[in-house]
Amino acid sequence: MDVGEIEPRLCRIRGNLFKESSYINKIAVGDEVEVDLTAAEDAGWILRMFPRRTKLSRRPSVGYPEQVLVSNADTLLMVASMRTPPFRGGLVDRLLVAASCGGLEPVLILSKADLATSDEISPIENLYSSLGYTILVTSIPESRGLESLRDLLQNRTTVLSGHSGVGKSSLIKALFPDWEIRIGRISNKSGKGRHTTRMAEMFRIPIGGFIVDTPGIRELEPLVTPNELDSHYVEFVPYLGQCKFKGCTHIHEPQCLIKDAVASKKITEQRYKSYCTLFESL
């Protein structure tokens, strides 16, 4: 049966479903499950969960090894505003790593383009497009990029993610004005966005497919080990395994091809610093 024809139902989890797992984050938005809706009670039962094809996950600060935010999505739309709040390349790079780890196709949305100049937008757009990523520049007041965004969403399951206040919910409302999604305001005092979306929510969109709006992310630690991190920076990949020392971290070792590539400007200083910062945090 088409899920669009089913009314939402509250379902409980069978007590023995996760008996072999101590994860607190047992069911995530997008999980595909088998349910029993025939019980006489007011709620159904989740009997089993099918394997996840993709996932957007992060490492919680304490307690558990993984927090799955969304599963079985196709695309991760990383929304980053040019101003108010300002562009944060470090978070974009963390989301790119998370997408790579989880098997999602990343797309970078540079929102609020009407607040920035072309000289501010072009370097960011050129950097990430040169790495092979899809970039879309949007402005709601100017209706810029909205039709292209609509095309990207059609017949796919898409996750919207990014820093609070970058305009994720505003983009949804501009595309589908009939949806009731609260629009956050920017704090004049801090310049940071307020958390309008409290939890991940999935919506069926009228052009086919689904979109998942996630809470604003101020920090994100991808679920990756330090020695695997370099393989998720696409411009590092041609040089991997060629450094003098096995297991090179590309930070302090001599005769490192990654550092040589940075010195020769084959890898940008911006992305290399992003890698070093993320490596140290892991």
C-alpha atoms as a PDB file:
ATOM      1  CA  MET A   1       0.000   0.000   0.000  1.00  0.00           C
ATOM      2  CA  ASP A   2       1.239   3.528  -0.770  1.00  0.00           C
ATOM      3  CA  VAL A   3       2.316   5.183   2.465  1.00  0.00           C
ATOM      4  CA  GLY A   4       0.672   8.361   1.302  1.00  0.00           C
ATOM      5  CA  GLU A   5      -2.715   6.642   1.663  1.00  0.00           C
ATOM      6  CA  ILE A   6      -2.162   5.652   5.296  1.00  0.00           C
ATOM      7  CA  GLU A   7      -3.209   7.868   8.168  1.00  0.00           C
ATOM      8  CA  PRO A   8      -0.459   8.434  10.766  1.00  0.00           C
ATOM      9  CA  ARG A   9      -0.641   5.913  13.599  1.00  0.00           C
ATOM     10  CA  LEU A  10       1.052   5.815  16.962  1.00  0.00           C
ATOM     11  CA  CYS A  11       3.089   2.621  17.292  1.00  0.00           C
ATOM     12  CA  ARG A  12       4.915   1.084  20.224  1.00  0.00           C
ATOM     13  CA  ILE A  13       8.112  -0.945  20.017  1.00  0.00           C
ATOM     14  CA  ARG A  14       8.055  -4.603  21.017  1.00  0.00           C
ATOM     15  CA  GLY A  15      10.137  -5.022  24.136  1.00  0.00           C
ATOM     16  CA  ASN A  16      12.419  -7.671  22.629  1.00  0.00           C
ATOM     17  CA  LEU A  17      13.010  -5.894  19.308  1.00  0.00           C
ATOM     18  CA  PHE A  18      16.308  -4.359  20.396  1.00  0.00           C
ATOM     19  CA  LYS A  19      17.328  -6.810  23.081  1.00  0.00           C
ATOM     20  CA  GLU A  20      20.803  -7.150  21.557  1.00  0.00           C
ATOM     21  CA  SER A  21      21.370  -3.394  21.372  1.00  0.00           C
ATOM     22  CA  SER A  22      21.794  -0.803  24.082  1.00  0.00           C
ATOM     23  CA  TYR A  23      21.356   2.139  21.698  1.00  0.00           C
ATOM     24  CA  ILE A  24      18.985   4.770  23.026  1.00  0.00           C
ATOM     25  CA  ASN A  25      18.238   5.924  19.445  1.00  0.00           C
ATOM     26  CA  LYS A  26      16.411   2.794  18.313  1.00  0.00           C
ATOM     27  CA  ILE A  27      14.026   4.115  15.668  1.00  0.00           C
ATOM     28  CA  ALA A  28      14.827   7.078  13.426  1.00  0.00           C
ATOM     29  CA  VAL A  29      12.807   9.111  10.963  1.00  0.00           C
ATOM     30  CA  GLY A  30      12.849   7.250   7.649  1.00  0.00           C
ATOM     31  CA  ASP A  31      13.209   3.764   9.109  1.00  0.00           C
ATOM     32  CA  GLU A  32      11.202   1.099   7.307  1.00  0.00           C
ATOM     33  CA  VAL A  33       9.443  -1.239   9.716  1.00  0.00           C
ATOM     34  CA  GLU A  34       6.893  -4.011   9.847  1.00  0.00           C
ATOM     35  CA  VAL A  35       3.921  -3.070  12.020  1.00  0.00           C
ATOM     36  CA  ASP A  36       0.880  -4.801  13.410  1.00  0.00           C
ATOM     37  CA  LEU A  37      -2.141  -2.485  13.278  1.00  0.00           C
ATOM     38  CA  THR A  38      -4.712  -5.151  14.086  1.00  0.00           C
ATOM     39  CA  ALA A  39      -4.335  -5.003  17.875  1.00  0.00           C
ATOM     40  CA  ALA A  40      -7.419  -3.922  19.790  1.00  0.00           C
ATOM     41  CA  GLU A  41      -5.446  -1.250  21.620  1.00  0.00           C
ATOM     42  CA  ASP A  42      -5.191   2.393  20.576  1.00  0.00           C
ATOM     43  CA  ALA A  43      -1.742   1.912  19.001  1.00  0.00           C
ATOM     44  CA  GLY A  44       0.022  -0.503  16.700  1.00  0.00           C
ATOM     45  CA  TRP A  45       3.186  -2.471  17.365  1.00  0.00           C
ATOM     46  CA  ILE A  46       6.521  -2.266  15.562  1.00  0.00           C
ATOM     47  CA  LEU A  47       7.495  -5.903  15.016  1.00  0.00           C
ATOM     48  CA  ARG A  48      10.800  -5.517  13.181  1.00  0.00           C
ATOM     49  CA  MET A  49      12.988  -2.970  11.439  1.00  0.00           C
ATOM     50  CA  PHE A  50      14.444  -3.510   7.976  1.00  0.00           C
ATOM     51  CA  PRO A  51      18.138  -2.803   7.268  1.00  0.00           C
ATOM     52  CA  ARG A  52      18.980   0.845   6.630  1.00  0.00           C
ATOM     53  CA  ARG A  53      20.201   1.675   3.123  1.00  0.00           C
ATOM     54  CA  THR A  54      21.601   5.073   4.096  1.00  0.00           C
ATOM     55  CA  LYS A  55      21.768   7.155   7.259  1.00  0.00           C
ATOM     56  CA  LEU A  56      22.688  10.586   8.527  1.00  0.00           C
ATOM     57  CA  SER A  57      24.200  10.052  11.941  1.00  0.00           C
ATOM     58  CA  ARG A  58      26.446  11.742  14.435  1.00  0.00           C
ATOM     59  CA  ARG A  59      28.372  10.839  17.536  1.00  0.00           C
ATOM     60  CA  PRO A  60      26.553  12.050  20.673  1.00  0.00           C
ATOM     61  CA  SER A  61      28.625  13.955  23.211  1.00  0.00           C
ATOM     62  CA  VAL A  62      28.183  11.301  25.885  1.00  0.00           C
ATOM     63  CA  GLY A  63      26.735   7.893  26.500  1.00  0.00           C
ATOM     64  CA  TYR A  64      26.034   6.174  23.177  1.00  0.00           C
ATOM     65  CA  PRO A  65      28.161   5.430  20.102  1.00  0.00           C
ATOM     66  CA  GLU A  66      25.759   6.753  17.482  1.00  0.00           C
ATOM     67  CA  GLN A  67      22.718   8.961  17.042  1.00  0.00           C
ATOM     68  CA  VAL A  68      20.904   8.291  13.776  1.00  0.00           C
ATOM     69  CA  LEU A  69      19.086  11.470  12.754  1.00  0.00           C
ATOM     70  CA  VAL A  70      17.506  10.204   9.511  1.00  0.00           C
ATOM     71  CA  SER A  71      17.641   6.907   7.629  1.00  0.00           C
ATOM     72  CA  ASN A  72      16.949   5.726   4.078  1.00  0.00           C
ATOM     73  CA  ALA A  73      17.229   9.187   2.532  1.00  0.00           C
ATOM     74  CA  ASP A  74      18.708   9.799  -0.924  1.00  0.00           C
ATOM     75  CA  THR A  75      20.010  13.345  -0.668  1.00  0.00           C
ATOM     76  CA  LEU A  76      21.432  15.593   2.034  1.00  0.00           C
ATOM     77  CA  LEU A  77      20.664  19.243   1.326  1.00  0.00           C
ATOM     78  CA  MET A  78      23.159  21.260   3.351  1.00  0.00           C
ATOM     79  CA  VAL A  79      21.722  24.742   3.728  1.00  0.00           C
ATOM     80  CA  ALA A  80      24.297  27.427   4.551  1.00  0.00           C
ATOM     81  CA  SER A  81      23.415  31.116   4.535  1.00  0.00           C
ATOM     82  CA  MET A  82      25.835  33.708   3.270  1.00  0.00           C
ATOM     83  CA  ARG A  83      24.928  36.113   6.074  1.00  0.00           C
ATOM     84  CA  THR A  84      22.684  36.194   9.143  1.00  0.00           C
ATOM     85  CA  PRO A  85      24.096  33.815  10.249  1.00  0.00           C
ATOM     86  CA  PRO A  86      27.391  33.931   8.314  1.00  0.00           C
ATOM     87  CA  PHE A  87      28.684  31.052   6.216  1.00  0.00           C
ATOM     88  CA  ARG A  88      30.360  28.295   8.237  1.00  0.00           C
ATOM     89  CA  GLY A  89      32.612  26.177   6.068  1.00  0.00           C
ATOM     90  CA  GLY A  90      33.592  23.926   8.951  1.00  0.00           C
ATOM     91  CA  LEU A  91      30.026  22.723   9.467  1.00  0.00           C
ATOM     92  CA  VAL A  92      29.534  22.228   5.719  1.00  0.00           C
ATOM     93  CA  ASP A  93      32.647  20.038   5.629  1.00  0.00           C
ATOM     94  CA  ARG A  94      31.440  18.010   8.620  1.00  0.00           C
ATOM     95  CA  LEU A  95      28.111  17.441   6.874  1.00  0.00           C
ATOM     96  CA  LEU A  96      29.945  16.388   3.704  1.00  0.00           C
ATOM     97  CA  VAL A  97      31.848  13.795   5.724  1.00  0.00           C
ATOM     98  CA  ALA A  98      28.625  12.625   7.391  1.00  0.00           C
ATOM     99  CA  ALA A  99      26.950  12.278   3.976  1.00  0.00           C
ATOM    100  CA  SER A 100      29.919  10.319   2.643  1.00  0.00           C
ATOM    101  CA  CYS A 101      29.899   8.019   5.675  1.00  0.00           C
ATOM    102  CA  GLY A 102      26.170   7.409   5.419  1.00  0.00           C
ATOM    103  CA  GLY A 103      25.854   6.953   1.657  1.00  0.00           C
ATOM    104  CA  LEU A 104      23.852  10.110   0.914  1.00  0.00           C
ATOM    105  CA  GLU A 105      24.314  12.393  -2.088  1.00  0.00           C
ATOM    106  CA  PRO A 106      25.270  15.861  -0.780  1.00  0.00           C
ATOM    107  CA  VAL A 107      23.988  19.095  -2.281  1.00  0.00           C
ATOM    108  CA  LEU A 108      25.086  22.491  -0.944  1.00  0.00           C
ATOM    109  CA  ILE A 109      22.482  25.257  -0.851  1.00  0.00           C
ATOM    110  CA  LEU A 110      23.898  28.779  -0.436  1.00  0.00           C
ATOM    111  CA  SER A 111      20.845  30.593   0.897  1.00  0.00           C
ATOM    112  CA  LYS A 112      20.028  34.273   1.469  1.00  0.00           C
ATOM    113  CA  ALA A 113      22.062  35.232  -1.593  1.00  0.00           C
ATOM    114  CA  ASP A 114      20.258  38.581  -1.708  1.00  0.00           C
ATOM    115  CA  LEU A 115      22.183  39.568   1.448  1.00  0.00           C
ATOM    116  CA  ALA A 116      25.613  38.912  -0.110  1.00  0.00           C
ATOM    117  CA  THR A 117      27.631  40.121  -3.082  1.00  0.00           C
ATOM    118  CA  SER A 118      28.786  37.972  -5.976  1.00  0.00           C
ATOM    119  CA  ASP A 119      32.373  38.451  -4.735  1.00  0.00           C
ATOM    120  CA  GLU A 120      31.363  36.746  -1.482  1.00  0.00           C
ATOM    121  CA  ILE A 121      29.387  33.947  -3.114  1.00  0.00           C
ATOM    122  CA  SER A 122      31.706  33.030  -6.010  1.00  0.00           C
ATOM    123  CA  PRO A 123      34.723  31.735  -4.018  1.00  0.00           C
ATOM    124  CA  ILE A 124      32.553  29.368  -1.993  1.00  0.00           C
ATOM    125  CA  GLU A 125      30.563  28.245  -5.025  1.00  0.00           C
ATOM    126  CA  ASN A 126      33.735  27.694  -7.059  1.00  0.00           C
ATOM    127  CA  LEU A 127      35.506  25.773  -4.290  1.00  0.00           C
ATOM    128  CA  TYR A 128      32.809  23.174  -3.715  1.00  0.00           C
ATOM    129  CA  SER A 129      31.814  22.842  -7.368  1.00  0.00           C
ATOM    130  CA  SER A 130      35.476  22.181  -8.215  1.00  0.00           C
ATOM    131  CA  LEU A 131      35.338  19.236  -5.799  1.00  0.00           C
ATOM    132  CA  GLY A 132      32.430  17.752  -7.745  1.00  0.00           C
ATOM    133  CA  TYR A 133      29.595  18.764  -5.438  1.00  0.00           C
ATOM    134  CA  THR A 134      26.283  20.141  -6.654  1.00  0.00           C
ATOM    135  CA  ILE A 135      25.849  23.779  -5.587  1.00  0.00           C
ATOM    136  CA  LEU A 136      22.652  25.797  -5.692  1.00  0.00           C
ATOM    137  CA  VAL A 137      22.442  29.500  -4.838  1.00  0.00           C
ATOM    138  CA  THR A 138      19.034  30.572  -3.537  1.00  0.00           C
ATOM    139  CA  SER A 139      17.226  33.737  -2.526  1.00  0.00           C
ATOM    140  CA  ILE A 140      13.607  33.692  -1.473  1.00  0.00           C
ATOM    141  CA  PRO A 141      12.935  37.436  -2.019  1.00  0.00           C
ATOM    142  CA  GLU A 142      14.413  37.168  -5.509  1.00  0.00           C
ATOM    143  CA  SER A 143      12.871  33.726  -6.213  1.00  0.00           C
ATOM    144  CA  ARG A 144      16.370  32.654  -7.153  1.00  0.00           C
ATOM    145  CA  GLY A 145      17.138  28.977  -7.449  1.00  0.00           C
ATOM    146  CA  LEU A 146      13.738  27.852  -6.178  1.00  0.00           C
ATOM    147  CA  GLU A 147      12.683  26.018  -9.337  1.00  0.00           C
ATOM    148  CA  SER A 148      16.015  24.217  -9.487  1.00  0.00           C
ATOM    149  CA  LEU A 149      15.563  23.253  -5.851  1.00  0.00           C
ATOM    150  CA  ARG A 150      12.081  21.950  -6.598  1.00  0.00           C
ATOM    151  CA  ASP A 151      13.546  19.745  -9.341  1.00  0.00           C
ATOM    152  CA  LEU A 152      16.142  18.371  -6.908  1.00  0.00           C
ATOM    153  CA  LEU A 153      13.431  17.352  -4.464  1.00  0.00           C
ATOM    154  CA  GLN A 154      11.141  15.560  -6.919  1.00  0.00           C
ATOM    155  CA  ASN A 155      10.661  11.829  -6.340  1.00  0.00           C
ATOM    156  CA  ARG A 156      13.457  11.612  -3.780  1.00  0.00           C
ATOM    157  CA  THR A 157      13.759  11.457  -0.019  1.00  0.00           C
ATOM    158  CA  THR A 158      15.723  14.529   0.940  1.00  0.00           C
ATOM    159  CA  VAL A 159      17.125  15.699   4.270  1.00  0.00           C
ATOM    160  CA  LEU A 160      17.417  19.408   5.005  1.00  0.00           C
ATOM    161  CA  SER A 161      20.244  20.144   7.406  1.00  0.00           C
ATOM    162  CA  GLY A 162      22.407  23.026   8.497  1.00  0.00           C
ATOM    163  CA  HIS A 163      23.015  25.638  11.158  1.00  0.00           C
ATOM    164  CA  SER A 164      19.990  27.144  12.925  1.00  0.00           C
ATOM    165  CA  GLY A 165      18.570  30.177  11.180  1.00  0.00           C
ATOM    166  CA  VAL A 166      19.982  29.510   7.711  1.00  0.00           C
ATOM    167  CA  GLY A 167      16.495  29.297   6.230  1.00  0.00           C
ATOM    168  CA  LYS A 168      15.674  25.597   5.930  1.00  0.00           C
ATOM    169  CA  SER A 169      12.056  25.996   6.991  1.00  0.00           C
ATOM    170  CA  SER A 170      11.737  29.196   4.940  1.00  0.00           C
ATOM    171  CA  LEU A 171      12.804  27.340   1.797  1.00  0.00           C
ATOM    172  CA  ILE A 172      10.195  24.656   2.436  1.00  0.00           C
ATOM    173  CA  LYS A 173       7.501  27.259   2.945  1.00  0.00           C
ATOM    174  CA  ALA A 174       8.504  29.151  -0.198  1.00  0.00           C
ATOM    175  CA  LEU A 175       8.231  25.963  -2.256  1.00  0.00           C
ATOM    176  CA  PHE A 176       5.097  24.628  -0.565  1.00  0.00           C
ATOM    177  CA  PRO A 177       3.266  27.560   1.068  1.00  0.00           C
ATOM    178  CA  ASP A 178       0.319  25.441   2.169  1.00  0.00           C
ATOM    179  CA  TRP A 179       2.428  23.550   4.689  1.00  0.00           C
ATOM    180  CA  GLU A 180       2.233  24.757   8.268  1.00  0.00           C
ATOM    181  CA  ILE A 181       5.880  25.142   9.247  1.00  0.00           C
ATOM    182  CA  ARG A 182       6.905  27.807  11.726  1.00  0.00           C
ATOM    183  CA  ILE A 183       9.592  30.154  10.500  1.00  0.00           C
ATOM    184  CA  GLY A 184      12.363  31.001  12.939  1.00  0.00           C
ATOM    185  CA  ARG A 185      13.692  34.434  13.588  1.00  0.00           C
ATOM    186  CA  ILE A 186      17.310  35.426  13.965  1.00  0.00           C
ATOM    187  CA  SER A 187      18.413  36.648  17.370  1.00  0.00           C
ATOM    188  CA  ASN A 188      19.576  40.255  17.011  1.00  0.00           C
ATOM    189  CA  LYS A 189      21.802  39.837  20.043  1.00  0.00           C
ATOM    190  CA  SER A 190      23.770  36.769  18.967  1.00  0.00           C
ATOM    191  CA  GLY A 191      23.169  36.702  15.215  1.00  0.00           C
ATOM    192  CA  LYS A 192      22.497  32.975  15.576  1.00  0.00           C
ATOM    193  CA  GLY A 193      19.343  31.213  14.573  1.00  0.00           C
ATOM    194  CA  ARG A 194      16.784  30.000  17.062  1.00  0.00           C
ATOM    195  CA  HIS A 195      15.779  26.363  16.987  1.00  0.00           C
ATOM    196  CA  THR A 196      12.383  26.527  15.272  1.00  0.00           C
ATOM    197  CA  THR A 197      12.254  22.852  14.261  1.00  0.00           C
ATOM    198  CA  ARG A 198      12.378  20.799  17.471  1.00  0.00           C
ATOM    199  CA  MET A 199      12.652  17.329  15.987  1.00  0.00           C
ATOM    200  CA  ALA A 200      13.177  15.681  12.617  1.00  0.00           C
ATOM    201  CA  GLU A 201       9.904  15.605  10.693  1.00  0.00           C
ATOM    202  CA  MET A 202       9.143  13.890   7.380  1.00  0.00           C
ATOM    203  CA  PHE A 203       6.662  15.373   4.923  1.00  0.00           C
ATOM    204  CA  ARG A 204       5.280  13.898   1.714  1.00  0.00           C
ATOM    205  CA  ILE A 205       5.671  16.535  -0.984  1.00  0.00           C
ATOM    206  CA  PRO A 206       3.078  17.054  -3.718  1.00  0.00           C
ATOM    207  CA  ILE A 207       5.593  16.651  -6.568  1.00  0.00           C
ATOM    208  CA  GLY A 208       6.486  13.146  -5.360  1.00  0.00           C
ATOM    209  CA  GLY A 209       8.946  12.086  -2.716  1.00  0.00           C
ATOM    210  CA  PHE A 210       9.593  13.102   0.862  1.00  0.00           C
ATOM    211  CA  ILE A 211      11.470  15.845   2.647  1.00  0.00           C
ATOM    212  CA  VAL A 212      12.824  15.661   6.182  1.00  0.00           C
ATOM    213  CA  ASP A 213      13.304  18.895   8.098  1.00  0.00           C
ATOM    214  CA  THR A 214      15.843  18.515  10.900  1.00  0.00           C
ATOM    215  CA  PRO A 215      16.619  20.618  13.977  1.00  0.00           C
ATOM    216  CA  GLY A 216      19.306  23.233  13.396  1.00  0.00           C
ATOM    217  CA  ILE A 217      22.765  21.836  13.997  1.00  0.00           C
ATOM    218  CA  ARG A 218      25.331  24.039  15.722  1.00  0.00           C
ATOM    219  CA  GLU A 219      27.988  21.345  15.923  1.00  0.00           C
ATOM    220  CA  LEU A 220      28.194  17.892  14.368  1.00  0.00           C
ATOM    221  CA  GLU A 221      30.737  15.156  14.908  1.00  0.00           C
ATOM    222  CA  PRO A 222      30.472  12.617  12.077  1.00  0.00           C
ATOM    223  CA  LEU A 223      30.628   8.957  12.977  1.00  0.00           C
ATOM    224  CA  VAL A 224      34.091   8.355  11.546  1.00  0.00           C
ATOM    225  CA  THR A 225      37.424   7.342  13.054  1.00  0.00           C
ATOM    226  CA  PRO A 226      40.452   9.646  12.721  1.00  0.00           C
ATOM    227  CA  ASN A 227      42.321   7.202  10.486  1.00  0.00           C
ATOM    228  CA  GLU A 228      39.338   7.021   8.076  1.00  0.00           C
ATOM    229  CA  LEU A 229      38.712  10.749   7.873  1.00  0.00           C
ATOM    230  CA  ASP A 230      41.062  11.494   4.971  1.00  0.00           C
ATOM    231  CA  SER A 231      39.151   9.137   2.661  1.00  0.00           C
ATOM    232  CA  HIS A 232      36.050  11.355   3.049  1.00  0.00           C
ATOM    233  CA  TYR A 233      37.832  14.474   1.764  1.00  0.00           C
ATOM    234  CA  VAL A 234      37.477  13.913  -1.954  1.00  0.00           C
ATOM    235  CA  GLU A 235      40.519  15.969  -2.983  1.00  0.00           C
ATOM    236  CA  PHE A 236      42.739  13.927  -0.634  1.00  0.00           C
ATOM    237  CA  VAL A 237      41.864  10.595  -2.235  1.00  0.00           C
ATOM    238  CA  PRO A 238      44.365  10.688  -5.180  1.00  0.00           C
ATOM    239  CA  TYR A 239      47.246  11.046  -2.711  1.00  0.00           C
ATOM    240  CA  LEU A 240      46.246   8.479  -0.111  1.00  0.00           C
ATOM    241  CA  GLY A 241      48.687   5.642   0.517  1.00  0.00           C
ATOM    242  CA  GLN A 242      51.570   7.562  -1.051  1.00  0.00           C
ATOM    243  CA  CYS A 243      52.939   9.356   2.013  1.00  0.00           C
ATOM    244  CA  LYS A 244      56.276   8.138   3.384  1.00  0.00           C
ATOM    245  CA  PHE A 245      54.816   6.877   6.671  1.00  0.00           C
ATOM    246  CA  LYS A 246      52.049   4.310   6.879  1.00  0.00           C
ATOM    247  CA  GLY A 247      49.037   5.670   8.734  1.00  0.00           C
ATOM    248  CA  CYS A 248      50.085   9.262   8.047  1.00  0.00           C
ATOM    249  CA  THR A 249      47.714  11.732   9.711  1.00  0.00           C
ATOM    250  CA  HIS A 250      48.766  14.491   7.264  1.00  0.00           C
ATOM    251  CA  ILE A 251      49.277  16.858  10.177  1.00  0.00           C
ATOM    252  CA  HIS A 252      52.755  16.520  11.716  1.00  0.00           C
ATOM    253  CA  GLU A 253      54.556  13.852   9.656  1.00  0.00           C
ATOM    254  CA  PRO A 254      57.303  14.797   7.168  1.00  0.00           C
ATOM    255  CA  GLN A 255      57.182  13.849   3.479  1.00  0.00           C
ATOM    256  CA  CYS A 256      53.391  13.917   3.391  1.00  0.00           C
ATOM    257  CA  LEU A 257      51.838  14.184  -0.059  1.00  0.00           C
ATOM    258  CA  ILE A 258      48.717  15.860   1.298  1.00  0.00           C
ATOM    259  CA  LYS A 259      50.757  18.673   2.843  1.00  0.00           C
ATOM    260  CA  ASP A 260      52.776  18.928  -0.367  1.00  0.00           C
ATOM    261  CA  ALA A 261      49.500  19.263  -2.301  1.00  0.00           C
ATOM    262  CA  VAL A 262      48.432  22.069   0.039  1.00  0.00           C
ATOM    263  CA  ALA A 263      51.765  23.836  -0.468  1.00  0.00           C
ATOM    264  CA  SER A 264      51.366  23.578  -4.240  1.00  0.00           C
ATOM    265  CA  LYS A 265      47.739  24.763  -3.967  1.00  0.00           C
ATOM    266  CA  LYS A 266      46.299  21.556  -5.377  1.00  0.00           C
ATOM    267  CA  ILE A 267      44.378  21.322  -2.096  1.00  0.00           C
ATOM    268  CA  THR A 268      43.055  24.560  -0.615  1.00  0.00           C
ATOM    269  CA  GLU A 269      44.303  25.814   2.723  1.00  0.00           C
ATOM    270  CA  GLN A 270      40.671  26.265   3.801  1.00  0.00           C
ATOM    271  CA  ARG A 271      39.795  22.619   3.335  1.00  0.00           C
ATOM    272  CA  TYR A 272      43.068  21.398   4.829  1.00  0.00           C
ATOM    273  CA  LYS A 273      42.500  23.472   7.987  1.00  0.00           C
ATOM    274  CA  SER A 274      38.960  22.082   8.119  1.00  0.00           C
ATOM    275  CA  TYR A 275      40.396  18.551   7.977  1.00  0.00           C
ATOM    276  CA  CYS A 276      42.906  19.281  10.756  1.00  0.00           C
ATOM    277  CA  THR A 277      40.243  20.772  13.021  1.00  0.00           C
ATOM    278  CA  LEU A 278      37.896  17.831  12.505  1.00  0.00           C
ATOM    279  CA  PHE A 279      40.739  15.322  12.956  1.00  0.00           C
ATOM    280  CA  GLU A 280      41.693  16.863  16.295  1.00  0.00           C
ATOM    281  CA  SER A 281      38.074  16.833  17.483  1.00  0.00           C
ATOM    282  CA  LEU A 282      37.847  13.104  16.750  1.00  0.00           C
END
